Amino acid sequence: MEEKIGKISHYYTKIGVAIIDLEGVLKVGDKIKIKGAITDLEQTVSSMQIEHENVEEAKSGESVGLKVDENVREGDAVYKVIE
């Protein structure tokens, strides 16, 4: 099962970091899926940052940066995978 928790607002290609505008809660250790027109990526959140500070959890209304395993695109939807 998947729950939509946000979307990609920016992607830094050189460093492989995506900025996600959250609509739900995201924690380190959560499994996420990023889906778009040509994006289909699943990974576990190993770390994330808000304003260059490491955080364990972020909530709706916040923007977080996290390292992604593949290129993603602005506008891609982000889902939390619930098992």
Protein backbone atom coordinates (compact mmCIF):
# COMPACT_ATOMS: atom_id res chain seq x y z
CA MET A 1 0.00 0.00 0.00
CA GLU A 2 1.18 3.54 -0.71
CA GLU A 3 0.28 6.93 0.72
CA LYS A 4 1.10 10.14 -1.15
CA ILE A 5 3.27 12.33 1.07
CA GLY A 6 4.54 15.01 -1.27
CA LYS A 7 6.16 16.00 -4.53
CA ILE A 8 9.60 16.89 -5.84
CA SER A 9 10.02 20.67 -5.99
CA HIS A 10 13.67 20.67 -7.06
CA TYR A 11 16.44 18.24 -8.01
CA TYR A 12 20.16 18.95 -7.80
CA THR A 13 21.67 16.74 -10.51
CA LYS A 14 25.34 17.14 -9.55
CA ILE A 15 24.86 16.02 -5.94
CA GLY A 16 21.84 13.71 -6.46
CA VAL A 17 19.63 15.49 -3.92
CA ALA A 18 15.87 15.95 -4.26
CA ILE A 19 13.85 18.58 -2.41
CA ILE A 20 10.44 17.26 -1.37
CA ASP A 21 7.53 19.49 -0.35
CA LEU A 22 5.78 17.31 2.22
CA GLU A 23 2.03 16.76 2.60
CA GLY A 24 2.53 14.09 5.27
CA VAL A 25 5.04 12.78 7.82
CA LEU A 26 8.35 11.31 6.65
CA LYS A 27 10.91 9.63 8.92
CA VAL A 28 14.40 8.25 8.44
CA GLY A 29 13.99 4.52 7.75
CA ASP A 30 10.72 4.96 5.81
CA LYS A 31 10.50 3.29 2.42
CA ILE A 32 9.48 5.72 -0.32
CA LYS A 33 8.48 5.48 -3.95
CA ILE A 34 9.00 8.36 -6.39
CA LYS A 35 6.83 8.21 -9.49
CA GLY A 36 6.56 10.42 -12.53
CA ALA A 37 6.27 10.29 -16.31
CA ILE A 38 9.61 8.44 -16.60
CA THR A 39 10.61 8.12 -12.95
CA ASP A 40 9.90 4.91 -11.00
CA LEU A 41 12.18 4.64 -7.99
CA GLU A 42 11.86 2.88 -4.66
CA GLN A 43 14.33 3.40 -1.81
CA THR A 44 14.69 3.70 1.95
CA VAL A 45 15.29 7.13 3.48
CA SER A 46 18.76 6.90 5.06
CA SER A 47 19.02 10.57 6.03
CA MET A 48 17.33 13.88 5.31
CA GLN A 49 17.90 17.54 6.00
CA ILE A 50 15.93 20.71 6.57
CA GLU A 51 17.97 23.89 6.00
CA HIS A 52 21.23 21.83 5.99
CA GLU A 53 20.46 20.34 9.42
CA ASN A 54 20.01 16.57 9.75
CA VAL A 55 16.56 15.60 11.00
CA GLU A 56 14.98 12.26 11.91
CA GLU A 57 11.43 13.29 11.05
CA ALA A 58 9.66 15.98 9.01
CA LYS A 59 5.98 16.81 8.75
CA SER A 60 3.42 18.30 6.38
CA GLY A 61 4.30 21.80 5.20
CA GLU A 62 8.06 21.28 5.51
CA SER A 63 10.55 20.86 2.67
CA VAL A 64 13.28 18.26 3.07
CA GLY A 65 16.36 17.42 1.07
CA LEU A 66 17.34 13.81 0.61
CA LYS A 67 19.83 11.87 -1.45
CA VAL A 68 18.17 9.76 -4.15
CA ASP A 69 19.56 6.70 -5.97
CA GLU A 70 18.52 7.88 -9.46
CA ASN A 71 17.62 11.07 -11.29
CA VAL A 72 14.16 12.40 -10.43
CA ARG A 73 12.24 15.30 -11.89
CA GLU A 74 10.39 18.32 -10.53
CA GLY A 75 6.72 17.47 -10.14
CA ASP A 76 7.30 13.74 -9.51
CA ALA A 77 4.99 12.39 -6.79
CA VAL A 78 6.46 10.93 -3.60
CA TYR A 79 4.72 8.06 -1.79
CA LYS A 80 5.40 6.33 1.51
CA VAL A 81 5.30 2.55 1.11
CA ILE A 82 3.23 1.00 3.92
CA GLU A 83 3.74 -2.72 4.42
